[in-house]
Amino acid sequence: MENRAKLLIDRLGIGALVATAALAVTLAAASQSDEQAFIKQAVQSNLGEVQLGELAAQRAETETVRKFGETLRMDHHAALQRAANLAKSLKVEPPTDPSTEARGIYKGLAQLSGSEFDAAFVSHMITVHEAAIAMYSRNANSDDDAVAAMVADALPKLKAHLAMAQALQNGTPGHEHH
């Protein structure tokens, strides 16, 4: 009877070991696909921000919103290059267009002008930067060192962009003319 119990324990031990190993492989695969999904989102959001920054640099009524648009264009272009290179290293084909939602926002903003454009653009920048900060923060502890480094580099810039947009919203009345 003792040998049978020992055999059962040995079998359960091996079964548990196999199950643990299978779980570890599954978690590693899930982690990689999460990182791949994140990097695709990062590329797409940067593509959208570059385009919206260009739009603001051209269409904004106030100099401060135009300069903010140019800052976004430059910063997100650099982030786009880094994210696209990282995507390739993760064996992910980087997207070449912004998301459908971002394209819709662009079309909507492109139809506005003057203070109406400025107010809508700044409000949208607050929303998208809050979402981007949340998305990047969820990936801050990535097991992939390159992803974690990209996040660590991007978060302070995203937070600075959010602060700029909030300051524009709070300090520039929508009807102000320059």
N, C-alpha and C. Protein backbone atom coordinates (compact mmCIF):
# COMPACT_ATOMS: atom_id res chain seq x y z
N MET A 1 0.83 -1.19 0.00
CA MET A 1 0.00 0.00 0.00
C MET A 1 0.86 1.25 0.00
N GLU A 2 1.95 1.25 0.77
CA GLU A 2 2.82 2.41 0.84
C GLU A 2 3.43 2.70 -0.52
N ASN A 3 3.84 1.64 -1.25
CA ASN A 3 4.43 1.83 -2.58
C ASN A 3 3.43 2.44 -3.55
N ARG A 4 2.15 1.99 -3.42
CA ARG A 4 1.11 2.54 -4.28
C ARG A 4 0.92 4.03 -4.00
N ALA A 5 0.91 4.41 -2.74
CA ALA A 5 0.75 5.82 -2.35
C ALA A 5 1.93 6.63 -2.87
N LYS A 6 3.14 6.06 -2.74
CA LYS A 6 4.33 6.76 -3.22
C LYS A 6 4.25 6.95 -4.73
N LEU A 7 3.80 5.90 -5.43
CA LEU A 7 3.67 5.97 -6.88
C LEU A 7 2.65 7.04 -7.27
N LEU A 8 1.53 7.10 -6.56
CA LEU A 8 0.50 8.10 -6.83
C LEU A 8 1.04 9.51 -6.61
N ILE A 9 1.75 9.70 -5.52
CA ILE A 9 2.35 11.01 -5.23
C ILE A 9 3.36 11.39 -6.32
N ASP A 10 4.19 10.40 -6.70
CA ASP A 10 5.15 10.66 -7.77
C ASP A 10 4.44 11.07 -9.05
N ARG A 11 3.36 10.35 -9.38
CA ARG A 11 2.62 10.68 -10.60
C ARG A 11 1.99 12.06 -10.50
N LEU A 12 1.40 12.34 -9.33
CA LEU A 12 0.80 13.67 -9.15
C LEU A 12 1.86 14.75 -9.21
N GLY A 13 3.01 14.47 -8.63
CA GLY A 13 4.11 15.43 -8.66
C GLY A 13 4.55 15.73 -10.08
N ILE A 14 4.69 14.69 -10.88
CA ILE A 14 5.08 14.87 -12.28
C ILE A 14 3.97 15.59 -13.03
N GLY A 15 2.73 15.19 -12.75
CA GLY A 15 1.58 15.86 -13.38
C GLY A 15 1.55 17.34 -13.04
N ALA A 16 1.80 17.65 -11.77
CA ALA A 16 1.81 19.06 -11.35
C ALA A 16 2.96 19.80 -12.01
N LEU A 17 4.10 19.11 -12.12
CA LEU A 17 5.25 19.72 -12.78
C LEU A 17 4.95 20.01 -14.25
N VAL A 18 4.34 19.04 -14.93
CA VAL A 18 3.97 19.21 -16.33
C VAL A 18 2.94 20.33 -16.47
N ALA A 19 1.95 20.35 -15.58
CA ALA A 19 0.93 21.40 -15.62
C ALA A 19 1.56 22.78 -15.38
N THR A 20 2.49 22.86 -14.44
CA THR A 20 3.18 24.13 -14.15
C THR A 20 3.99 24.58 -15.36
N ALA A 21 4.68 23.63 -15.98
CA ALA A 21 5.48 23.97 -17.17
C ALA A 21 4.57 24.44 -18.30
N ALA A 22 3.43 23.76 -18.49
CA ALA A 22 2.49 24.16 -19.54
C ALA A 22 1.93 25.55 -19.25
N LEU A 23 1.63 25.82 -17.98
CA LEU A 23 1.14 27.14 -17.60
C LEU A 23 2.19 28.21 -17.86
N ALA A 24 3.43 27.91 -17.54
CA ALA A 24 4.51 28.88 -17.77
C ALA A 24 4.65 29.18 -19.26
N VAL A 25 4.56 28.17 -20.11
CA VAL A 25 4.64 28.38 -21.56
C VAL A 25 3.45 29.21 -22.03
N THR A 26 2.26 28.88 -21.52
CA THR A 26 1.06 29.63 -21.89
C THR A 26 1.18 31.08 -21.46
N LEU A 27 1.65 31.32 -20.25
CA LEU A 27 1.82 32.69 -19.77
C LEU A 27 2.87 33.44 -20.58
N ALA A 28 3.92 32.79 -20.95
CA ALA A 28 4.96 33.43 -21.77
C ALA A 28 4.38 33.80 -23.12
N ALA A 29 3.58 32.91 -23.71
CA ALA A 29 2.96 33.21 -25.00
C ALA A 29 1.96 34.35 -24.85
N ALA A 30 1.18 34.35 -23.76
CA ALA A 30 0.23 35.42 -23.54
C ALA A 30 0.96 36.74 -23.33
N SER A 31 2.05 36.69 -22.59
CA SER A 31 2.84 37.90 -22.35
C SER A 31 3.38 38.45 -23.66
N GLN A 32 3.88 37.57 -24.50
CA GLN A 32 4.42 38.04 -25.78
C GLN A 32 3.31 38.63 -26.63
N SER A 33 2.15 37.98 -26.68
CA SER A 33 1.08 38.52 -27.51
C SER A 33 0.57 39.83 -26.93
N ASP A 34 0.59 39.99 -25.61
CA ASP A 34 0.22 41.28 -25.00
C ASP A 34 1.20 42.36 -25.44
N GLU A 35 2.49 42.02 -25.42
CA GLU A 35 3.50 43.00 -25.84
C GLU A 35 3.37 43.31 -27.32
N GLN A 36 3.07 42.30 -28.11
CA GLN A 36 2.88 42.53 -29.54
C GLN A 36 1.65 43.43 -29.77
N ALA A 37 0.57 43.15 -29.05
CA ALA A 37 -0.63 43.98 -29.18
C ALA A 37 -0.35 45.41 -28.73
N PHE A 38 0.38 45.56 -27.63
CA PHE A 38 0.73 46.90 -27.13
C PHE A 38 1.56 47.66 -28.15
N ILE A 39 2.55 47.00 -28.73
CA ILE A 39 3.44 47.71 -29.65
C ILE A 39 2.67 48.12 -30.90
N LYS A 40 1.73 47.30 -31.35
CA LYS A 40 0.88 47.70 -32.49
C LYS A 40 0.06 48.94 -32.13
N GLN A 41 -0.52 48.93 -30.93
CA GLN A 41 -1.30 50.09 -30.49
C GLN A 41 -0.41 51.32 -30.38
N ALA A 42 0.80 51.14 -29.88
CA ALA A 42 1.73 52.27 -29.73
C ALA A 42 2.05 52.87 -31.10
N VAL A 43 2.32 52.01 -32.07
CA VAL A 43 2.61 52.51 -33.42
C VAL A 43 1.40 53.27 -33.96
N GLN A 44 0.22 52.67 -33.85
CA GLN A 44 -0.98 53.31 -34.38
C GLN A 44 -1.28 54.63 -33.70
N SER A 45 -1.14 54.68 -32.37
CA SER A 45 -1.45 55.93 -31.67
C SER A 45 -0.44 57.02 -32.05
N ASN A 46 0.83 56.64 -32.21
CA ASN A 46 1.83 57.63 -32.63
C ASN A 46 1.57 58.12 -34.05
N LEU A 47 1.15 57.23 -34.95
CA LEU A 47 0.78 57.65 -36.31
C LEU A 47 -0.33 58.70 -36.25
N GLY A 48 -1.34 58.43 -35.44
CA GLY A 48 -2.45 59.37 -35.30
C GLY A 48 -2.03 60.71 -34.71
N GLU A 49 -1.15 60.66 -33.71
CA GLU A 49 -0.71 61.90 -33.06
C GLU A 49 0.16 62.75 -34.00
N VAL A 50 0.97 62.10 -34.83
CA VAL A 50 1.78 62.84 -35.81
C VAL A 50 0.84 63.59 -36.75
N GLN A 51 -0.17 62.91 -37.26
CA GLN A 51 -1.10 63.55 -38.19
C GLN A 51 -1.90 64.66 -37.54
N LEU A 52 -2.36 64.42 -36.32
CA LEU A 52 -3.13 65.47 -35.62
C LEU A 52 -2.24 66.65 -35.26
N GLY A 53 -0.99 66.39 -34.91
CA GLY A 53 -0.05 67.48 -34.63
C GLY A 53 0.17 68.34 -35.86
N GLU A 54 0.32 67.69 -37.02
CA GLU A 54 0.47 68.43 -38.28
C GLU A 54 -0.77 69.27 -38.56
N LEU A 55 -1.95 68.68 -38.34
CA LEU A 55 -3.20 69.40 -38.57
C LEU A 55 -3.28 70.63 -37.68
N ALA A 56 -2.93 70.48 -36.41
CA ALA A 56 -2.99 71.61 -35.48
C ALA A 56 -1.96 72.67 -35.85
N ALA A 57 -0.78 72.25 -36.28
CA ALA A 57 0.25 73.22 -36.67
C ALA A 57 -0.24 74.06 -37.85
N GLN A 58 -1.09 73.49 -38.69
CA GLN A 58 -1.62 74.21 -39.85
C GLN A 58 -2.89 74.99 -39.55
N ARG A 59 -3.80 74.42 -38.76
CA ARG A 59 -5.15 74.97 -38.64
C ARG A 59 -5.44 75.73 -37.36
N ALA A 60 -4.62 75.58 -36.34
CA ALA A 60 -4.94 76.21 -35.05
C ALA A 60 -5.02 77.73 -35.20
N GLU A 61 -5.92 78.30 -34.45
CA GLU A 61 -6.09 79.76 -34.47
C GLU A 61 -5.00 80.44 -33.65
N THR A 62 -4.70 79.88 -32.49
CA THR A 62 -3.73 80.53 -31.61
C THR A 62 -2.33 79.97 -31.81
N GLU A 63 -1.35 80.82 -31.60
CA GLU A 63 0.05 80.41 -31.72
C GLU A 63 0.39 79.30 -30.74
N THR A 64 -0.16 79.37 -29.53
CA THR A 64 0.17 78.35 -28.52
C THR A 64 -0.32 76.97 -28.94
N VAL A 65 -1.50 76.89 -29.54
CA VAL A 65 -2.01 75.59 -29.99
C VAL A 65 -1.22 75.12 -31.21
N ARG A 66 -0.83 76.05 -32.10
CA ARG A 66 0.01 75.67 -33.24
C ARG A 66 1.34 75.10 -32.76
N LYS A 67 1.96 75.76 -31.79
CA LYS A 67 3.24 75.27 -31.25
C LYS A 67 3.06 73.92 -30.56
N PHE A 68 1.96 73.75 -29.85
CA PHE A 68 1.66 72.48 -29.20
C PHE A 68 1.53 71.38 -30.26
N GLY A 69 0.85 71.68 -31.35
CA GLY A 69 0.71 70.73 -32.45
C GLY A 69 2.06 70.34 -33.02
N GLU A 70 2.96 71.31 -33.18
CA GLU A 70 4.29 71.03 -33.71
C GLU A 70 5.10 70.17 -32.73
N THR A 71 4.97 70.45 -31.44
CA THR A 71 5.63 69.64 -30.41
C THR A 71 5.13 68.20 -30.48
N LEU A 72 3.81 68.04 -30.58
CA LEU A 72 3.24 66.70 -30.69
C LEU A 72 3.77 65.98 -31.93
N ARG A 73 3.80 66.68 -33.05
CA ARG A 73 4.27 66.09 -34.30
C ARG A 73 5.70 65.58 -34.15
N MET A 74 6.56 66.40 -33.61
CA MET A 74 7.97 66.02 -33.47
C MET A 74 8.15 64.89 -32.46
N ASP A 75 7.56 65.03 -31.28
CA ASP A 75 7.73 64.03 -30.23
C ASP A 75 7.15 62.68 -30.64
N HIS A 76 5.95 62.71 -31.24
CA HIS A 76 5.32 61.45 -31.62
C HIS A 76 5.97 60.84 -32.85
N HIS A 77 6.59 61.66 -33.69
CA HIS A 77 7.34 61.10 -34.83
C HIS A 77 8.54 60.30 -34.30
N ALA A 78 9.25 60.85 -33.34
CA ALA A 78 10.38 60.13 -32.74
C ALA A 78 9.90 58.85 -32.04
N ALA A 79 8.80 58.95 -31.31
CA ALA A 79 8.25 57.78 -30.62
C ALA A 79 7.77 56.74 -31.63
N LEU A 80 7.22 57.19 -32.75
CA LEU A 80 6.77 56.29 -33.80
C LEU A 80 7.94 55.49 -34.36
N GLN A 81 9.05 56.15 -34.62
CA GLN A 81 10.23 55.44 -35.16
C GLN A 81 10.70 54.37 -34.18
N ARG A 82 10.75 54.72 -32.91
CA ARG A 82 11.21 53.77 -31.90
C ARG A 82 10.24 52.58 -31.79
N ALA A 83 8.95 52.88 -31.76
CA ALA A 83 7.95 51.82 -31.64
C ALA A 83 7.95 50.91 -32.87
N ALA A 84 8.11 51.50 -34.06
CA ALA A 84 8.13 50.70 -35.29
C ALA A 84 9.35 49.79 -35.32
N ASN A 85 10.49 50.29 -34.91
CA ASN A 85 11.70 49.46 -34.85
C ASN A 85 11.54 48.34 -33.82
N LEU A 86 10.94 48.66 -32.68
CA LEU A 86 10.72 47.66 -31.65
C LEU A 86 9.73 46.60 -32.15
N ALA A 87 8.70 47.03 -32.87
CA ALA A 87 7.73 46.08 -33.43
C ALA A 87 8.45 45.07 -34.32
N LYS A 88 9.31 45.55 -35.17
CA LYS A 88 10.05 44.65 -36.07
C LYS A 88 10.90 43.67 -35.27
N SER A 89 11.52 44.14 -34.20
CA SER A 89 12.35 43.24 -33.39
C SER A 89 11.50 42.20 -32.65
N LEU A 90 10.21 42.53 -32.42
CA LEU A 90 9.29 41.57 -31.79
C LEU A 90 8.56 40.72 -32.83
N LYS A 91 9.01 40.82 -34.08
CA LYS A 91 8.41 40.05 -35.18
C LYS A 91 6.96 40.46 -35.41
N VAL A 92 6.68 41.76 -35.29
CA VAL A 92 5.36 42.31 -35.52
C VAL A 92 5.46 43.27 -36.70
N GLU A 93 4.56 43.12 -37.65
CA GLU A 93 4.53 44.06 -38.77
C GLU A 93 3.89 45.35 -38.25
N PRO A 94 4.64 46.46 -38.21
CA PRO A 94 4.06 47.69 -37.66
C PRO A 94 2.95 48.23 -38.57
N PRO A 95 1.84 48.66 -37.98
CA PRO A 95 0.77 49.25 -38.78
C PRO A 95 1.29 50.48 -39.53
N THR A 96 0.67 50.78 -40.65
CA THR A 96 1.09 51.94 -41.45
C THR A 96 0.05 53.06 -41.44
N ASP A 97 -1.08 52.81 -40.80
CA ASP A 97 -2.14 53.81 -40.71
C ASP A 97 -2.62 53.92 -39.27
N PRO A 98 -3.10 55.11 -38.91
CA PRO A 98 -3.72 55.24 -37.58
C PRO A 98 -4.97 54.36 -37.51
N SER A 99 -5.48 54.19 -36.32
CA SER A 99 -6.70 53.40 -36.13
C SER A 99 -7.88 54.06 -36.85
N THR A 100 -8.91 53.29 -37.09
CA THR A 100 -10.13 53.82 -37.71
C THR A 100 -10.69 54.96 -36.88
N GLU A 101 -10.66 54.80 -35.56
CA GLU A 101 -11.15 55.85 -34.66
C GLU A 101 -10.34 57.13 -34.83
N ALA A 102 -9.01 57.01 -34.88
CA ALA A 102 -8.15 58.18 -35.02
C ALA A 102 -8.39 58.87 -36.37
N ARG A 103 -8.61 58.08 -37.42
CA ARG A 103 -8.89 58.68 -38.73
C ARG A 103 -10.21 59.45 -38.69
N GLY A 104 -11.19 58.92 -37.96
CA GLY A 104 -12.48 59.62 -37.81
C GLY A 104 -12.33 60.92 -37.05
N ILE A 105 -11.52 60.90 -36.00
CA ILE A 105 -11.27 62.12 -35.22
C ILE A 105 -10.59 63.16 -36.11
N TYR A 106 -9.62 62.72 -36.89
CA TYR A 106 -8.91 63.63 -37.80
C TYR A 106 -9.90 64.30 -38.75
N LYS A 107 -10.78 63.49 -39.35
CA LYS A 107 -11.76 64.04 -40.30
C LYS A 107 -12.67 65.05 -39.61
N GLY A 108 -13.09 64.74 -38.40
CA GLY A 108 -13.95 65.66 -37.66
C GLY A 108 -13.25 66.97 -37.34
N LEU A 109 -12.01 66.87 -36.86
CA LEU A 109 -11.26 68.09 -36.53
C LEU A 109 -10.93 68.90 -37.78
N ALA A 110 -10.67 68.23 -38.89
CA ALA A 110 -10.31 68.92 -40.13
C ALA A 110 -11.46 69.80 -40.64
N GLN A 111 -12.67 69.52 -40.19
CA GLN A 111 -13.82 70.32 -40.61
C GLN A 111 -14.03 71.55 -39.74
N LEU A 112 -13.28 71.65 -38.65
CA LEU A 112 -13.43 72.78 -37.74
C LEU A 112 -12.39 73.85 -38.06
N SER A 113 -12.63 75.04 -37.57
CA SER A 113 -11.64 76.10 -37.74
C SER A 113 -11.73 77.05 -36.55
N GLY A 114 -10.72 77.93 -36.47
CA GLY A 114 -10.71 78.97 -35.44
C GLY A 114 -10.70 78.41 -34.03
N SER A 115 -11.35 79.14 -33.15
CA SER A 115 -11.35 78.76 -31.73
C SER A 115 -12.08 77.43 -31.52
N GLU A 116 -13.03 77.11 -32.41
CA GLU A 116 -13.73 75.84 -32.30
C GLU A 116 -12.74 74.68 -32.52
N PHE A 117 -11.85 74.82 -33.52
CA PHE A 117 -10.82 73.80 -33.74
C PHE A 117 -9.92 73.70 -32.51
N ASP A 118 -9.42 74.84 -32.04
CA ASP A 118 -8.49 74.84 -30.92
C ASP A 118 -9.08 74.12 -29.71
N ALA A 119 -10.32 74.45 -29.36
CA ALA A 119 -10.96 73.85 -28.19
C ALA A 119 -11.15 72.34 -28.37
N ALA A 120 -11.61 71.93 -29.54
CA ALA A 120 -11.85 70.51 -29.78
C ALA A 120 -10.53 69.73 -29.83
N PHE A 121 -9.51 70.32 -30.45
CA PHE A 121 -8.21 69.67 -30.53
C PHE A 121 -7.61 69.47 -29.14
N VAL A 122 -7.61 70.52 -28.35
CA VAL A 122 -7.03 70.44 -27.00
C VAL A 122 -7.80 69.44 -26.14
N SER A 123 -9.10 69.47 -26.22
CA SER A 123 -9.92 68.52 -25.45
C SER A 123 -9.60 67.08 -25.86
N HIS A 124 -9.47 66.86 -27.16
CA HIS A 124 -9.13 65.51 -27.64
C HIS A 124 -7.74 65.10 -27.17
N MET A 125 -6.79 66.04 -27.16
CA MET A 125 -5.43 65.70 -26.72
C MET A 125 -5.42 65.29 -25.24
N ILE A 126 -6.27 65.89 -24.45
CA ILE A 126 -6.37 65.49 -23.04
C ILE A 126 -6.87 64.05 -22.97
N THR A 127 -7.93 63.75 -23.69
CA THR A 127 -8.51 62.40 -23.68
C THR A 127 -7.52 61.36 -24.16
N VAL A 128 -6.87 61.60 -25.31
CA VAL A 128 -5.98 60.57 -25.86
C VAL A 128 -4.71 60.41 -25.04
N HIS A 129 -4.23 61.49 -24.43
CA HIS A 129 -3.02 61.34 -23.61
C HIS A 129 -3.33 60.66 -22.28
N GLU A 130 -4.52 60.88 -21.73
CA GLU A 130 -4.89 60.12 -20.53
C GLU A 130 -4.96 58.63 -20.86
N ALA A 131 -5.55 58.29 -22.00
CA ALA A 131 -5.64 56.88 -22.41
C ALA A 131 -4.25 56.30 -22.70
N ALA A 132 -3.40 57.08 -23.35
CA ALA A 132 -2.05 56.59 -23.67
C ALA A 132 -1.24 56.36 -22.40
N ILE A 133 -1.37 57.26 -21.44
CA ILE A 133 -0.65 57.10 -20.16
C ILE A 133 -1.11 55.80 -19.47
N ALA A 134 -2.40 55.54 -19.50
CA ALA A 134 -2.92 54.30 -18.89
C ALA A 134 -2.38 53.08 -19.63
N MET A 135 -2.41 53.12 -20.97
CA MET A 135 -1.93 51.98 -21.77
C MET A 135 -0.44 51.74 -21.53
N TYR A 136 0.34 52.79 -21.56
CA TYR A 136 1.79 52.64 -21.36
C TYR A 136 2.08 52.18 -19.93
N SER A 137 1.36 52.71 -18.96
CA SER A 137 1.58 52.33 -17.56
C SER A 137 1.33 50.85 -17.34
N ARG A 138 0.32 50.30 -18.03
CA ARG A 138 0.04 48.86 -17.91
C ARG A 138 1.20 48.02 -18.43
N ASN A 139 2.05 48.59 -19.25
CA ASN A 139 3.17 47.85 -19.85
C ASN A 139 4.52 48.26 -19.26
N ALA A 140 4.49 49.02 -18.18
CA ALA A 140 5.73 49.52 -17.58
C ALA A 140 6.61 48.40 -17.02
N ASN A 141 6.00 47.32 -16.58
CA ASN A 141 6.77 46.22 -15.99
C ASN A 141 6.89 45.04 -16.94
N SER A 142 6.97 45.34 -18.22
CA SER A 142 7.09 44.29 -19.23
C SER A 142 8.33 43.44 -18.97
N ASP A 143 8.20 42.15 -19.27
CA ASP A 143 9.36 41.25 -19.17
C ASP A 143 10.36 41.52 -20.28
N ASP A 144 9.90 42.18 -21.34
CA ASP A 144 10.79 42.52 -22.45
C ASP A 144 11.47 43.85 -22.11
N ASP A 145 12.79 43.81 -21.94
CA ASP A 145 13.54 45.00 -21.53
C ASP A 145 13.37 46.17 -22.50
N ALA A 146 13.30 45.87 -23.79
CA ALA A 146 13.17 46.94 -24.79
C ALA A 146 11.80 47.61 -24.69
N VAL A 147 10.75 46.82 -24.43
CA VAL A 147 9.41 47.39 -24.24
C VAL A 147 9.39 48.24 -22.97
N ALA A 148 9.94 47.71 -21.89
CA ALA A 148 9.97 48.45 -20.63
C ALA A 148 10.75 49.76 -20.78
N ALA A 149 11.85 49.73 -21.52
CA ALA A 149 12.66 50.94 -21.73
C ALA A 149 11.90 51.96 -22.57
N MET A 150 11.19 51.49 -23.59
CA MET A 150 10.41 52.41 -24.42
C MET A 150 9.32 53.08 -23.57
N VAL A 151 8.66 52.29 -22.74
CA VAL A 151 7.61 52.82 -21.86
C VAL A 151 8.21 53.85 -20.89
N ALA A 152 9.35 53.51 -20.29
CA ALA A 152 9.99 54.41 -19.33
C ALA A 152 10.37 55.74 -19.99
N ASP A 153 10.76 55.70 -21.24
CA ASP A 153 11.12 56.90 -21.99
C ASP A 153 9.88 57.69 -22.40
N ALA A 154 8.81 56.99 -22.78
CA ALA A 154 7.62 57.63 -23.32
C ALA A 154 6.73 58.26 -22.24
N LEU A 155 6.61 57.62 -21.09
CA LEU A 155 5.66 58.10 -20.08
C LEU A 155 5.88 59.56 -19.67
N PRO A 156 7.12 60.00 -19.39
CA PRO A 156 7.29 61.41 -19.01
C PRO A 156 6.86 62.37 -20.13
N LYS A 157 7.10 61.99 -21.38
CA LYS A 157 6.70 62.85 -22.50
C LYS A 157 5.18 62.89 -22.62
N LEU A 158 4.53 61.73 -22.47
CA LEU A 158 3.07 61.69 -22.54
C LEU A 158 2.46 62.53 -21.42
N LYS A 159 3.05 62.45 -20.23
CA LYS A 159 2.54 63.24 -19.10
C LYS A 159 2.77 64.73 -19.34
N ALA A 160 3.89 65.08 -19.97
CA ALA A 160 4.15 66.49 -20.29
C ALA A 160 3.15 66.98 -21.33
N HIS A 161 2.84 66.16 -22.32
CA HIS A 161 1.84 66.55 -23.33
C HIS A 161 0.48 66.76 -22.68
N LEU A 162 0.11 65.85 -21.76
CA LEU A 162 -1.16 65.99 -21.05
C LEU A 162 -1.18 67.30 -20.27
N ALA A 163 -0.10 67.60 -19.57
CA ALA A 163 -0.03 68.84 -18.78
C ALA A 163 -0.14 70.07 -19.70
N MET A 164 0.51 70.01 -20.87
CA MET A 164 0.42 71.14 -21.82
C MET A 164 -1.02 71.32 -22.29
N ALA A 165 -1.68 70.23 -22.63
CA ALA A 165 -3.07 70.31 -23.10
C ALA A 165 -3.98 70.84 -22.00
N GLN A 166 -3.78 70.37 -20.77
CA GLN A 166 -4.60 70.86 -19.66
C GLN A 166 -4.37 72.35 -19.42
N ALA A 167 -3.12 72.78 -19.52
CA ALA A 167 -2.83 74.21 -19.33
C ALA A 167 -3.48 75.03 -20.44
N LEU A 168 -3.43 74.53 -21.66
CA LEU A 168 -4.09 75.25 -22.77
C LEU A 168 -5.59 75.32 -22.54
N GLN A 169 -6.16 74.23 -22.09
CA GLN A 169 -7.61 74.21 -21.86
C GLN A 169 -7.99 75.16 -20.72
N ASN A 170 -7.19 75.18 -19.68
CA ASN A 170 -7.51 76.01 -18.51
C ASN A 170 -7.13 77.47 -18.69
N GLY A 171 -6.10 77.73 -19.51
CA GLY A 171 -5.60 79.11 -19.60
C GLY A 171 -5.99 79.86 -20.85
N THR A 172 -6.58 79.19 -21.82
CA THR A 172 -6.92 79.85 -23.08
C THR A 172 -8.41 79.74 -23.32
N PRO A 173 -9.15 80.80 -23.08
CA PRO A 173 -10.59 80.75 -23.38
C PRO A 173 -10.80 80.46 -24.86
N GLY A 174 -11.84 79.73 -25.18
CA GLY A 174 -12.12 79.34 -26.55
C GLY A 174 -12.33 80.49 -27.49
N HIS A 175 -12.70 81.67 -26.98
CA HIS A 175 -13.01 82.81 -27.87
C HIS A 175 -11.86 83.79 -28.00
N GLU A 176 -10.72 83.44 -27.42
CA GLU A 176 -9.56 84.35 -27.46
C GLU A 176 -9.01 84.45 -28.88
N HIS A 177 -8.63 85.65 -29.33
CA HIS A 177 -8.04 85.85 -30.67
C HIS A 177 -6.67 86.44 -30.51
N HIS A 178 -5.75 85.98 -31.37
CA HIS A 178 -4.38 86.53 -31.37
C HIS A 178 -4.08 87.12 -32.72
